[in-house]
Amino acid sequence: MDKKIIDLHCHSIFSDGSDTPEKLVKMALKKELSAIALTDHDTVRGVKTMTEAAAGTSLEVVPGVELSTFYKKHEIHIVGLFVDCENKTFLSALNQIRFLREERIRKMCAKLHMLGIDVDYDNLVEIYKSNMITRAHIADYLVNTGFISDRKEAFDKYIGAHCPAFVQWEKISAVHGVELIHSAGGTAILAHPVAYKMEDDELEDLIKCLKEKGLDGMEVFYSTNSTSFTDKTKNLAHKYSLLMSGGSDHHGRTKPLISLGTGMGGLRVPHALLEPIRSTAEDYKEILKNMPPEDDPVEEPGEFFFGLPEH
């Protein structure tokens, strides 16, 4: 039995987590994890800091990202592991995604202001020292300033879907999310399928579609999975020849019940899953190495389509 465990899905202050990359390294070492992937939303800006913090320790840092994409009416997240954080095409696309994220949050702040709630985007950046403000930051601010009693109320009353301050935002399609990760020499993993609350046939249709477009794996081990759902995703991974991955989706204080490495207490992601994921990424990098060099990408979405999710 593989006693070493890993965590291939966690977040830092560079997206919507509350912990610094340095603190995550300390936590991972305390938990005796053998590897950890930083998978902040739509950014790789914290990876270098985490790698430097882990230098000289027993902990391997896997460069990662979690892309917010859409598939039909669903928001779908695709995790990229072993991505090249210096790939120009990849970084250009991430910059576009960050711009769309920022525009969305600025519009939501404006709507809240019209509702009599004084929330300023630039003030949120200063308060949270974050490179990426999300709805979670807005909810936290509303609680801390006494507008509401808890974060759930923020989403239920103001910033959740169909609420008065909600703004839909443009995302890349799930298929293009897979392609974007491959363009950076990374392994593309379907994140937390349990979170999409799909019927069995709908989930299988999603997996089949993305597999046909190059999806490499899926998160079989996840903090909120039931035993039966883990077994279900294992079977789907075998059926569609997908790599198995897993992680806690640790965010820190915004998800206080989920701990790094162990999730809600029973999570154990075996180290043995890491090597096939690494090998797949190495294959993509070898393909990219043998391709003719491209011109520097322009600051436009280019081939990675941006649009509103279908409803």
Protein backbone atom coordinates (compact mmCIF):
# COMPACT_ATOMS: atom_id res chain seq x y z
CA MET A 1 0.00 0.00 0.00
CA ASP A 2 1.28 3.46 -0.94
CA LYS A 3 1.70 5.33 2.34
CA LYS A 4 2.87 8.57 0.73
CA ILE A 5 0.04 10.98 -0.07
CA ILE A 6 -0.22 14.02 -2.31
CA ASP A 7 -2.59 16.93 -2.87
CA LEU A 8 -3.01 18.03 -6.49
CA HIS A 9 -5.62 20.75 -5.95
CA CYS A 10 -5.30 23.73 -3.61
CA HIS A 11 -5.55 27.53 -3.67
CA SER A 12 -3.54 30.43 -2.29
CA ILE A 13 -3.94 34.19 -1.88
CA PHE A 14 -3.14 34.48 -5.59
CA SER A 15 -6.79 33.53 -6.26
CA ASP A 16 -9.48 32.88 -3.64
CA GLY A 17 -7.50 31.07 -0.97
CA SER A 18 -6.51 32.67 2.33
CA ASP A 19 -3.04 31.12 2.72
CA THR A 20 0.22 32.24 1.17
CA PRO A 21 2.19 29.74 -0.93
CA GLU A 22 4.84 29.71 1.80
CA LYS A 23 2.24 28.78 4.44
CA LEU A 24 0.87 26.02 2.21
CA VAL A 25 4.38 24.55 1.95
CA LYS A 26 4.73 24.55 5.75
CA MET A 27 1.32 22.90 6.10
CA ALA A 28 2.17 20.27 3.49
CA LEU A 29 5.44 19.41 5.22
CA LYS A 30 3.66 19.15 8.56
CA LYS A 31 1.13 16.78 6.97
CA GLU A 32 4.07 14.84 5.46
CA LEU A 33 2.76 15.21 1.92
CA SER A 34 5.21 14.13 -0.76
CA ALA A 35 3.84 16.48 -3.45
CA ILE A 36 1.48 19.43 -3.73
CA ALA A 37 0.06 21.25 -6.75
CA LEU A 38 -0.84 24.91 -6.55
CA THR A 39 -3.91 25.27 -8.75
CA ASP A 40 -5.07 28.84 -8.34
CA HIS A 41 -7.97 29.98 -10.50
CA ASP A 42 -6.81 31.15 -13.93
CA THR A 43 -3.33 32.16 -12.75
CA VAL A 44 0.10 30.64 -12.12
CA ARG A 45 1.52 33.68 -10.32
CA GLY A 46 2.00 31.89 -7.01
CA VAL A 47 3.84 28.85 -8.38
CA LYS A 48 7.34 30.37 -8.35
CA THR A 49 6.93 31.51 -4.74
CA MET A 50 5.75 28.07 -3.65
CA THR A 51 8.58 26.34 -5.52
CA GLU A 52 11.16 28.59 -3.86
CA ALA A 53 9.60 27.99 -0.44
CA ALA A 54 9.84 24.21 -0.89
CA ALA A 55 13.42 24.23 -2.20
CA GLY A 56 15.66 21.94 -0.16
CA THR A 57 12.75 20.10 1.46
CA SER A 58 11.19 16.72 0.76
CA LEU A 59 8.15 18.34 -0.84
CA GLU A 60 7.69 18.38 -4.62
CA VAL A 61 5.76 21.36 -6.00
CA VAL A 62 3.71 20.63 -9.13
CA PRO A 63 3.01 23.76 -11.20
CA GLY A 64 -0.70 23.92 -11.81
CA VAL A 65 -3.75 26.00 -12.61
CA GLU A 66 -7.54 25.66 -12.43
CA LEU A 67 -9.39 27.07 -15.44
CA SER A 68 -12.99 28.22 -15.21
CA THR A 69 -14.74 27.09 -18.39
CA PHE A 70 -18.23 26.34 -19.64
CA TYR A 71 -19.91 23.28 -21.11
CA LYS A 72 -23.52 23.74 -22.19
CA LYS A 73 -25.24 25.32 -19.17
CA HIS A 74 -22.60 24.30 -16.64
CA GLU A 75 -19.49 25.98 -15.28
CA ILE A 76 -16.79 23.33 -15.53
CA HIS A 77 -13.32 23.54 -14.01
CA ILE A 78 -10.29 22.02 -15.70
CA VAL A 79 -7.10 21.57 -13.69
CA GLY A 80 -3.78 21.71 -15.52
CA LEU A 81 -0.83 19.92 -13.91
CA PHE A 82 2.87 20.27 -14.75
CA VAL A 83 2.09 23.30 -16.93
CA ASP A 84 4.93 25.43 -18.27
CA CYS A 85 4.50 28.67 -16.33
CA GLU A 86 6.65 30.58 -18.83
CA ASN A 87 4.78 29.56 -21.99
CA LYS A 88 3.86 32.80 -23.78
CA THR A 89 0.67 31.55 -25.44
CA PHE A 90 -0.53 30.17 -22.12
CA LEU A 91 0.28 33.33 -20.16
CA SER A 92 -1.35 35.53 -22.80
CA ALA A 93 -4.59 33.56 -22.55
CA LEU A 94 -4.50 33.67 -18.74
CA ASN A 95 -4.09 37.44 -18.91
CA GLN A 96 -7.24 37.63 -21.03
CA ILE A 97 -9.14 35.47 -18.54
CA ARG A 98 -7.95 37.67 -15.66
CA PHE A 99 -9.14 40.77 -17.53
CA LEU A 100 -12.61 39.26 -17.98
CA ARG A 101 -12.71 38.25 -14.30
CA GLU A 102 -11.79 41.78 -13.21
CA GLU A 103 -14.38 43.38 -15.50
CA ARG A 104 -17.06 41.12 -14.07
CA ILE A 105 -16.23 41.95 -10.44
CA ARG A 106 -16.05 45.69 -11.20
CA LYS A 107 -19.56 45.49 -12.69
CA MET A 108 -20.82 43.61 -9.63
CA CYS A 109 -19.34 46.27 -7.34
CA ALA A 110 -21.16 48.91 -9.39
CA LYS A 111 -24.45 47.04 -9.02
CA LEU A 112 -23.94 46.72 -5.27
CA HIS A 113 -23.24 50.44 -5.09
CA MET A 114 -26.59 51.09 -6.83
CA LEU A 115 -28.21 48.93 -4.14
CA GLY A 116 -26.78 51.20 -1.47
CA ILE A 117 -23.83 48.96 -0.54
CA ASP A 118 -20.49 50.73 -0.81
CA VAL A 119 -18.06 48.18 -2.32
CA ASP A 120 -15.11 49.47 -4.33
CA TYR A 121 -13.00 47.10 -6.43
CA ASP A 122 -9.70 48.89 -5.84
CA ASN A 123 -10.43 48.98 -2.12
CA LEU A 124 -10.96 45.20 -2.15
CA VAL A 125 -7.57 44.75 -3.83
CA GLU A 126 -5.95 46.82 -1.09
CA ILE A 127 -7.77 45.06 1.75
CA TYR A 128 -7.16 41.50 0.60
CA LYS A 129 -3.74 42.03 -0.99
CA SER A 130 -4.93 39.75 -3.76
CA ASN A 131 -4.03 39.66 -7.42
CA MET A 132 -7.48 38.32 -8.21
CA ILE A 133 -10.67 39.51 -6.55
CA THR A 134 -13.54 37.02 -6.64
CA ARG A 135 -17.10 36.83 -5.36
CA ALA A 136 -15.70 35.14 -2.24
CA HIS A 137 -13.82 38.35 -1.43
CA ILE A 138 -16.99 40.41 -1.90
CA ALA A 139 -18.90 38.07 0.42
CA ASP A 140 -16.14 38.26 3.03
CA TYR A 141 -16.13 42.07 2.82
CA LEU A 142 -19.92 42.25 3.25
CA VAL A 143 -19.69 40.10 6.38
CA ASN A 144 -16.76 42.04 7.86
CA THR A 145 -18.46 45.39 7.31
CA GLY A 146 -21.75 44.24 8.83
CA PHE A 147 -23.96 44.35 5.73
CA ILE A 148 -24.83 40.69 6.18
CA SER A 149 -24.41 38.03 8.84
CA ASP A 150 -22.61 35.30 6.87
CA ARG A 151 -21.13 34.52 3.45
CA LYS A 152 -24.09 32.34 2.45
CA GLU A 153 -26.39 35.34 2.78
CA ALA A 154 -24.17 37.27 0.36
CA PHE A 155 -24.65 34.66 -2.34
CA ASP A 156 -28.32 34.03 -1.56
CA LYS A 157 -29.28 37.72 -1.45
CA TYR A 158 -26.84 39.68 -3.60
CA ILE A 159 -24.17 37.96 -5.69
CA GLY A 160 -25.44 34.46 -6.44
CA ALA A 161 -26.94 33.55 -9.80
CA HIS A 162 -30.17 35.47 -10.51
CA CYS A 163 -29.51 37.86 -7.60
CA PRO A 164 -29.61 41.66 -8.17
CA ALA A 165 -25.82 42.20 -8.20
CA PHE A 166 -24.92 39.08 -10.16
CA VAL A 167 -23.11 39.48 -13.47
CA GLN A 168 -22.55 36.62 -15.89
CA TRP A 169 -19.06 36.48 -17.26
CA GLU A 170 -17.32 35.24 -20.35
CA LYS A 171 -15.33 32.02 -20.14
CA ILE A 172 -13.48 29.77 -22.52
CA SER A 173 -15.22 26.54 -23.44
CA ALA A 174 -14.20 23.37 -21.61
CA VAL A 175 -12.78 21.97 -24.84
CA HIS A 176 -10.61 25.04 -25.32
CA GLY A 177 -9.58 24.84 -21.67
CA VAL A 178 -8.15 21.38 -22.35
CA GLU A 179 -6.37 22.72 -25.44
CA LEU A 180 -4.95 25.67 -23.51
CA ILE A 181 -3.44 23.37 -20.89
CA HIS A 182 -1.93 21.20 -23.61
CA SER A 183 -0.47 24.32 -25.24
CA ALA A 184 1.52 24.79 -22.02
CA GLY A 185 2.68 21.17 -21.96
CA GLY A 186 0.34 20.30 -19.10
CA THR A 187 -1.91 17.36 -18.27
CA ALA A 188 -5.61 18.29 -18.40
CA ILE A 189 -7.75 16.99 -15.50
CA LEU A 190 -11.52 17.36 -15.04
CA ALA A 191 -11.87 18.90 -11.58
CA HIS A 192 -14.33 17.76 -8.89
CA PRO A 193 -17.09 16.15 -11.01
CA VAL A 194 -19.17 15.80 -7.84
CA ALA A 195 -19.57 19.61 -7.77
CA TYR A 196 -21.54 19.74 -11.02
CA LYS A 197 -24.51 17.83 -9.56
CA MET A 198 -25.16 16.12 -12.89
CA GLU A 199 -27.29 13.07 -13.50
CA ASP A 200 -25.23 9.97 -14.29
CA ASP A 201 -25.87 10.07 -18.04
CA GLU A 202 -25.13 13.81 -18.22
CA LEU A 203 -21.83 13.39 -16.38
CA GLU A 204 -20.82 10.55 -18.65
CA ASP A 205 -21.69 12.63 -21.72
CA LEU A 206 -19.41 15.40 -20.42
CA ILE A 207 -16.54 12.98 -19.80
CA LYS A 208 -16.99 11.28 -23.16
CA CYS A 209 -17.06 14.62 -25.01
CA LEU A 210 -13.96 15.99 -23.30
CA LYS A 211 -12.09 12.69 -23.66
CA GLU A 212 -12.69 12.85 -27.42
CA LYS A 213 -11.21 16.36 -27.38
CA GLY A 214 -8.09 15.36 -25.44
CA LEU A 215 -8.98 15.29 -21.73
CA ASP A 216 -6.27 13.30 -19.93
CA GLY A 217 -7.77 12.58 -16.54
CA MET A 218 -10.26 13.37 -13.81
CA GLU A 219 -10.30 13.95 -10.08
CA VAL A 220 -11.42 10.67 -8.59
CA PHE A 221 -10.34 11.55 -5.05
CA TYR A 222 -11.93 14.72 -3.66
CA SER A 223 -12.84 16.14 -0.26
CA THR A 224 -16.62 16.02 -0.59
CA ASN A 225 -16.92 12.74 -2.50
CA SER A 226 -18.97 9.97 -0.97
CA THR A 227 -17.50 6.47 -1.16
CA SER A 228 -20.05 5.58 -3.83
CA PHE A 229 -19.21 8.65 -5.93
CA THR A 230 -15.49 7.88 -5.73
CA ASP A 231 -16.23 4.34 -6.93
CA LYS A 232 -18.39 5.76 -9.74
CA THR A 233 -15.62 8.06 -10.97
CA LYS A 234 -13.05 5.28 -10.73
CA ASN A 235 -15.23 3.18 -13.02
CA LEU A 236 -15.65 6.08 -15.45
CA ALA A 237 -11.90 6.70 -15.45
CA HIS A 238 -11.27 3.06 -16.33
CA LYS A 239 -14.03 3.03 -18.96
CA TYR A 240 -12.64 6.07 -20.77
CA SER A 241 -8.94 5.36 -20.14
CA LEU A 242 -8.48 8.49 -18.07
CA LEU A 243 -5.74 9.14 -15.54
CA MET A 244 -6.88 9.40 -11.94
CA SER A 245 -6.04 12.47 -9.88
CA GLY A 246 -7.24 14.06 -6.71
CA GLY A 247 -6.90 16.83 -4.20
CA SER A 248 -8.47 18.60 -1.27
CA ASP A 249 -9.44 21.88 -2.99
CA HIS A 250 -8.11 23.58 0.12
CA HIS A 251 -8.95 27.31 0.30
CA GLY A 252 -8.16 28.08 3.94
CA ARG A 253 -10.62 30.09 5.98
CA THR A 254 -13.15 30.40 3.12
CA LYS A 255 -13.65 26.60 3.31
CA PRO A 256 -12.74 25.93 6.95
CA LEU A 257 -13.90 22.31 6.98
CA ILE A 258 -11.48 21.28 4.22
CA SER A 259 -7.87 20.70 5.23
CA LEU A 260 -4.85 20.45 2.98
CA GLY A 261 -4.05 16.84 2.13
CA THR A 262 -6.82 15.24 4.16
CA GLY A 263 -9.90 17.16 3.02
CA MET A 264 -12.71 16.59 5.49
CA GLY A 265 -10.65 13.97 7.30
CA GLY A 266 -10.79 10.88 5.14
CA LEU A 267 -9.06 12.03 1.95
CA ARG A 268 -5.96 10.10 0.88
CA VAL A 269 -4.58 10.71 -2.62
CA PRO A 270 -1.89 8.08 -3.28
CA HIS A 271 1.51 9.23 -4.54
CA ALA A 272 1.40 6.52 -7.23
CA LEU A 273 -1.04 8.66 -9.24
CA LEU A 274 1.60 11.35 -9.79
CA GLU A 275 3.98 9.60 -12.19
CA PRO A 276 1.47 8.87 -15.00
CA ILE A 277 0.32 12.51 -14.79
CA ARG A 278 3.93 13.69 -14.99
CA SER A 279 4.72 11.35 -17.87
CA THR A 280 1.73 12.60 -19.87
CA ALA A 281 2.85 16.20 -19.42
CA GLU A 282 6.38 15.27 -20.51
CA ASP A 283 4.94 13.78 -23.70
CA TYR A 284 3.11 17.04 -24.47
CA LYS A 285 6.26 19.05 -23.84
CA GLU A 286 8.21 16.79 -26.18
CA ILE A 287 5.61 17.37 -28.91
CA LEU A 288 5.79 21.13 -28.36
CA LYS A 289 9.59 21.04 -28.47
CA ASN A 290 9.47 19.53 -31.95
CA MET A 291 6.96 22.04 -33.30
CA PRO A 292 8.16 25.10 -35.24
CA PRO A 293 8.39 28.25 -33.07
CA GLU A 294 5.45 30.64 -33.20
CA ASP A 295 5.49 34.41 -33.26
CA ASP A 296 4.93 36.09 -29.90
CA PRO A 297 1.18 35.90 -29.16
CA VAL A 298 -0.81 39.09 -29.37
CA GLU A 299 -2.82 40.16 -26.35
CA GLU A 300 -6.06 38.73 -27.71
CA PRO A 301 -7.91 35.49 -26.95
CA GLY A 302 -6.88 34.15 -30.36
CA GLU A 303 -7.91 30.55 -30.89
CA PHE A 304 -9.22 30.19 -27.33
CA PHE A 305 -12.86 31.19 -27.73
CA PHE A 306 -14.40 33.40 -25.10
CA GLY A 307 -18.15 33.62 -24.75
CA LEU A 308 -21.11 33.46 -22.44
CA PRO A 309 -22.17 30.01 -21.21
CA GLU A 310 -25.14 28.52 -23.02
CA HIS A 311 -28.47 28.46 -21.17
